[in-house]
Amino acid sequence: PKATFTDFFWTDHPSYASNLRGLKFKRPGRGEGLADVAELKLFGDIDPDDLRQGPLGTCFMVAAMAALAEFEGAVKSLFQEQELSVSGEYNIKLFRTGKMGDLNQWVTYKIDDRLAMGEMDK
């Protein structure tokens, strides 16, 4: 099954909208002032210490990816695309348990490379 990444969030929860207030979304390496380097790539060395939780309240995702990053190739294996996408869209396969009745199955999510930037982010 396919779904959007927002299926992970409780978008009807009151704190969700407040988490989005004042945020700007930027794409790395696209001249928007975020990792604008010529050698930008989708995958390099992936280390658990590379991950930081931003203002969206996605600690569950950061924790899961950090745990996977302990195993070489584990994070990369979730992505269908293995190179930097010009459109910034990627398909990632994640195991879903719960919410909406689709228990215990792999689901492909379409995500993009926009990162939420708050006032404190540089």
C-alpha atoms as a PDB file:
ATOM      1  CA  PRO A   1       0.000   0.000   0.000  1.00  0.00           C
ATOM      2  CA  LYS A   2       1.014   3.600  -0.556  1.00  0.00           C
ATOM      3  CA  ALA A   3       0.387   6.487   1.782  1.00  0.00           C
ATOM      4  CA  THR A   4       1.689   9.957   2.486  1.00  0.00           C
ATOM      5  CA  PHE A   5       4.111  10.696   5.274  1.00  0.00           C
ATOM      6  CA  THR A   6       1.504  12.849   7.021  1.00  0.00           C
ATOM      7  CA  ASP A   7      -0.298   9.592   7.829  1.00  0.00           C
ATOM      8  CA  PHE A   8       2.279   9.290  10.604  1.00  0.00           C
ATOM      9  CA  PHE A   9       1.101  12.494  12.249  1.00  0.00           C
ATOM     10  CA  TRP A  10      -2.115  13.165  14.040  1.00  0.00           C
ATOM     11  CA  THR A  11      -2.921  16.196  11.904  1.00  0.00           C
ATOM     12  CA  ASP A  12      -6.181  16.749  13.783  1.00  0.00           C
ATOM     13  CA  HIS A  13      -4.318  16.955  17.118  1.00  0.00           C
ATOM     14  CA  PRO A  14      -4.258  20.550  18.470  1.00  0.00           C
ATOM     15  CA  SER A  15      -0.478  20.555  18.968  1.00  0.00           C
ATOM     16  CA  TYR A  16       0.191  19.677  15.326  1.00  0.00           C
ATOM     17  CA  ALA A  17      -0.933  23.049  13.953  1.00  0.00           C
ATOM     18  CA  SER A  18       0.915  24.917  16.709  1.00  0.00           C
ATOM     19  CA  ASN A  19       4.108  22.999  15.841  1.00  0.00           C
ATOM     20  CA  LEU A  20       3.903  24.346  12.273  1.00  0.00           C
ATOM     21  CA  ARG A  21       3.518  28.020  13.232  1.00  0.00           C
ATOM     22  CA  GLY A  22       6.518  30.125  12.254  1.00  0.00           C
ATOM     23  CA  LEU A  23       8.302  27.336  10.410  1.00  0.00           C
ATOM     24  CA  LYS A  24       9.884  27.620   6.997  1.00  0.00           C
ATOM     25  CA  PHE A  25      10.581  24.564   4.915  1.00  0.00           C
ATOM     26  CA  LYS A  26      13.860  24.454   3.024  1.00  0.00           C
ATOM     27  CA  ARG A  27      15.379  21.990   0.590  1.00  0.00           C
ATOM     28  CA  PRO A  28      19.062  21.195   1.164  1.00  0.00           C
ATOM     29  CA  GLY A  29      21.446  21.959  -1.689  1.00  0.00           C
ATOM     30  CA  ARG A  30      18.898  23.995  -3.641  1.00  0.00           C
ATOM     31  CA  GLY A  31      20.249  27.508  -3.025  1.00  0.00           C
ATOM     32  CA  GLU A  32      17.940  28.129  -0.054  1.00  0.00           C
ATOM     33  CA  GLY A  33      20.749  28.492   2.484  1.00  0.00           C
ATOM     34  CA  LEU A  34      20.683  24.923   3.785  1.00  0.00           C
ATOM     35  CA  ALA A  35      23.644  22.651   2.952  1.00  0.00           C
ATOM     36  CA  ASP A  36      24.248  24.429  -0.349  1.00  0.00           C
ATOM     37  CA  VAL A  37      27.306  22.426  -1.341  1.00  0.00           C
ATOM     38  CA  ALA A  38      28.199  21.038  -4.752  1.00  0.00           C
ATOM     39  CA  GLU A  39      28.918  17.545  -3.473  1.00  0.00           C
ATOM     40  CA  LEU A  40      25.544  17.059  -1.772  1.00  0.00           C
ATOM     41  CA  LYS A  41      24.369  13.448  -1.975  1.00  0.00           C
ATOM     42  CA  LEU A  42      21.482  11.420  -0.661  1.00  0.00           C
ATOM     43  CA  PHE A  43      23.576   8.851   1.173  1.00  0.00           C
ATOM     44  CA  GLY A  44      27.028   8.958   2.690  1.00  0.00           C
ATOM     45  CA  ASP A  45      28.120   7.650   6.028  1.00  0.00           C
ATOM     46  CA  ILE A  46      25.021   7.451   8.209  1.00  0.00           C
ATOM     47  CA  ASP A  47      25.644   7.698  11.938  1.00  0.00           C
ATOM     48  CA  PRO A  48      23.074   7.879  14.771  1.00  0.00           C
ATOM     49  CA  ASP A  49      24.699  11.116  15.947  1.00  0.00           C
ATOM     50  CA  ASP A  50      23.823  12.761  12.601  1.00  0.00           C
ATOM     51  CA  LEU A  51      20.150  12.956  13.542  1.00  0.00           C
ATOM     52  CA  ARG A  52      18.485  15.826  15.368  1.00  0.00           C
ATOM     53  CA  GLN A  53      14.861  16.359  16.224  1.00  0.00           C
ATOM     54  CA  GLY A  54      13.419  19.520  14.771  1.00  0.00           C
ATOM     55  CA  PRO A  55      10.344  21.491  15.759  1.00  0.00           C
ATOM     56  CA  LEU A  56       7.725  19.067  14.377  1.00  0.00           C
ATOM     57  CA  GLY A  57       7.646  16.659  17.328  1.00  0.00           C
ATOM     58  CA  THR A  58       8.809  13.617  15.399  1.00  0.00           C
ATOM     59  CA  CYS A  59      10.978  12.079  18.119  1.00  0.00           C
ATOM     60  CA  PHE A  60       9.583   8.627  17.302  1.00  0.00           C
ATOM     61  CA  MET A  61      10.945   8.850  13.755  1.00  0.00           C
ATOM     62  CA  VAL A  62      14.314  10.249  14.818  1.00  0.00           C
ATOM     63  CA  ALA A  63      14.697   7.470  17.405  1.00  0.00           C
ATOM     64  CA  ALA A  64      13.783   4.755  14.891  1.00  0.00           C
ATOM     65  CA  MET A  65      16.183   6.086  12.242  1.00  0.00           C
ATOM     66  CA  ALA A  66      18.972   6.468  14.816  1.00  0.00           C
ATOM     67  CA  ALA A  67      18.491   2.845  15.858  1.00  0.00           C
ATOM     68  CA  LEU A  68      18.591   1.719  12.217  1.00  0.00           C
ATOM     69  CA  ALA A  69      21.702   3.810  11.591  1.00  0.00           C
ATOM     70  CA  GLU A  70      23.562   1.493  13.966  1.00  0.00           C
ATOM     71  CA  PHE A  71      23.438  -1.121  11.186  1.00  0.00           C
ATOM     72  CA  GLU A  72      25.306  -0.412   7.961  1.00  0.00           C
ATOM     73  CA  GLY A  73      22.977  -0.066   4.987  1.00  0.00           C
ATOM     74  CA  ALA A  74      19.762  -0.349   7.033  1.00  0.00           C
ATOM     75  CA  VAL A  75      18.520   3.222   6.454  1.00  0.00           C
ATOM     76  CA  LYS A  76      19.557   3.198   2.796  1.00  0.00           C
ATOM     77  CA  SER A  77      17.676  -0.063   2.210  1.00  0.00           C
ATOM     78  CA  LEU A  78      14.362   1.638   3.058  1.00  0.00           C
ATOM     79  CA  PHE A  79      14.635   4.062   0.122  1.00  0.00           C
ATOM     80  CA  GLN A  80      13.633   3.082  -3.412  1.00  0.00           C
ATOM     81  CA  GLU A  81      15.668   5.961  -4.850  1.00  0.00           C
ATOM     82  CA  GLN A  82      19.392   5.674  -4.211  1.00  0.00           C
ATOM     83  CA  GLU A  83      20.491   8.993  -5.736  1.00  0.00           C
ATOM     84  CA  LEU A  84      19.614  12.625  -5.081  1.00  0.00           C
ATOM     85  CA  SER A  85      16.256  13.415  -6.694  1.00  0.00           C
ATOM     86  CA  VAL A  86      15.918  16.575  -8.776  1.00  0.00           C
ATOM     87  CA  SER A  87      12.247  16.828  -7.752  1.00  0.00           C
ATOM     88  CA  GLY A  88      13.105  16.152  -4.117  1.00  0.00           C
ATOM     89  CA  GLU A  89      10.604  13.285  -3.897  1.00  0.00           C
ATOM     90  CA  TYR A  90      11.467   9.876  -2.515  1.00  0.00           C
ATOM     91  CA  ASN A  91       9.654   6.637  -1.787  1.00  0.00           C
ATOM     92  CA  ILE A  92      10.489   5.047   1.532  1.00  0.00           C
ATOM     93  CA  LYS A  93       9.218   1.739   2.843  1.00  0.00           C
ATOM     94  CA  LEU A  94       8.363   1.623   6.552  1.00  0.00           C
ATOM     95  CA  PHE A  95       6.709  -1.027   8.694  1.00  0.00           C
ATOM     96  CA  ARG A  96       3.371   0.120  10.001  1.00  0.00           C
ATOM     97  CA  THR A  97       1.593  -1.186  13.064  1.00  0.00           C
ATOM     98  CA  GLY A  98      -1.681   0.284  14.208  1.00  0.00           C
ATOM     99  CA  LYS A  99      -3.597   3.447  13.283  1.00  0.00           C
ATOM    100  CA  MET A 100      -6.258   3.086  10.598  1.00  0.00           C
ATOM    101  CA  GLY A 101      -6.495  -0.696  10.908  1.00  0.00           C
ATOM    102  CA  ASP A 102      -3.659  -1.644   8.553  1.00  0.00           C
ATOM    103  CA  LEU A 103      -1.684  -3.645  11.079  1.00  0.00           C
ATOM    104  CA  ASN A 104       1.693  -5.265  10.615  1.00  0.00           C
ATOM    105  CA  GLN A 105       2.604  -4.519   7.033  1.00  0.00           C
ATOM    106  CA  TRP A 106       5.214  -2.678   4.984  1.00  0.00           C
ATOM    107  CA  VAL A 107       3.891   0.555   3.499  1.00  0.00           C
ATOM    108  CA  THR A 108       5.567   2.767   0.898  1.00  0.00           C
ATOM    109  CA  TYR A 109       5.400   6.468   1.751  1.00  0.00           C
ATOM    110  CA  LYS A 110       6.088   9.314  -0.647  1.00  0.00           C
ATOM    111  CA  ILE A 111       8.172  11.950   1.105  1.00  0.00           C
ATOM    112  CA  ASP A 112      10.071  15.032   0.010  1.00  0.00           C
ATOM    113  CA  ASP A 113      13.363  16.582   1.034  1.00  0.00           C
ATOM    114  CA  ARG A 114      11.968  19.732   2.627  1.00  0.00           C
ATOM    115  CA  LEU A 115      13.212  20.228   6.187  1.00  0.00           C
ATOM    116  CA  ALA A 116      11.319  22.293   8.757  1.00  0.00           C
ATOM    117  CA  MET A 117      13.402  25.215   9.954  1.00  0.00           C
ATOM    118  CA  GLY A 118      12.551  27.179  13.086  1.00  0.00           C
ATOM    119  CA  GLU A 119      13.981  30.482  14.270  1.00  0.00           C
ATOM    120  CA  MET A 120      16.837  28.715  16.080  1.00  0.00           C
ATOM    121  CA  ASP A 121      17.894  26.663  13.031  1.00  0.00           C
ATOM    122  CA  LYS A 122      20.721  27.959  10.888  1.00  0.00           C
END
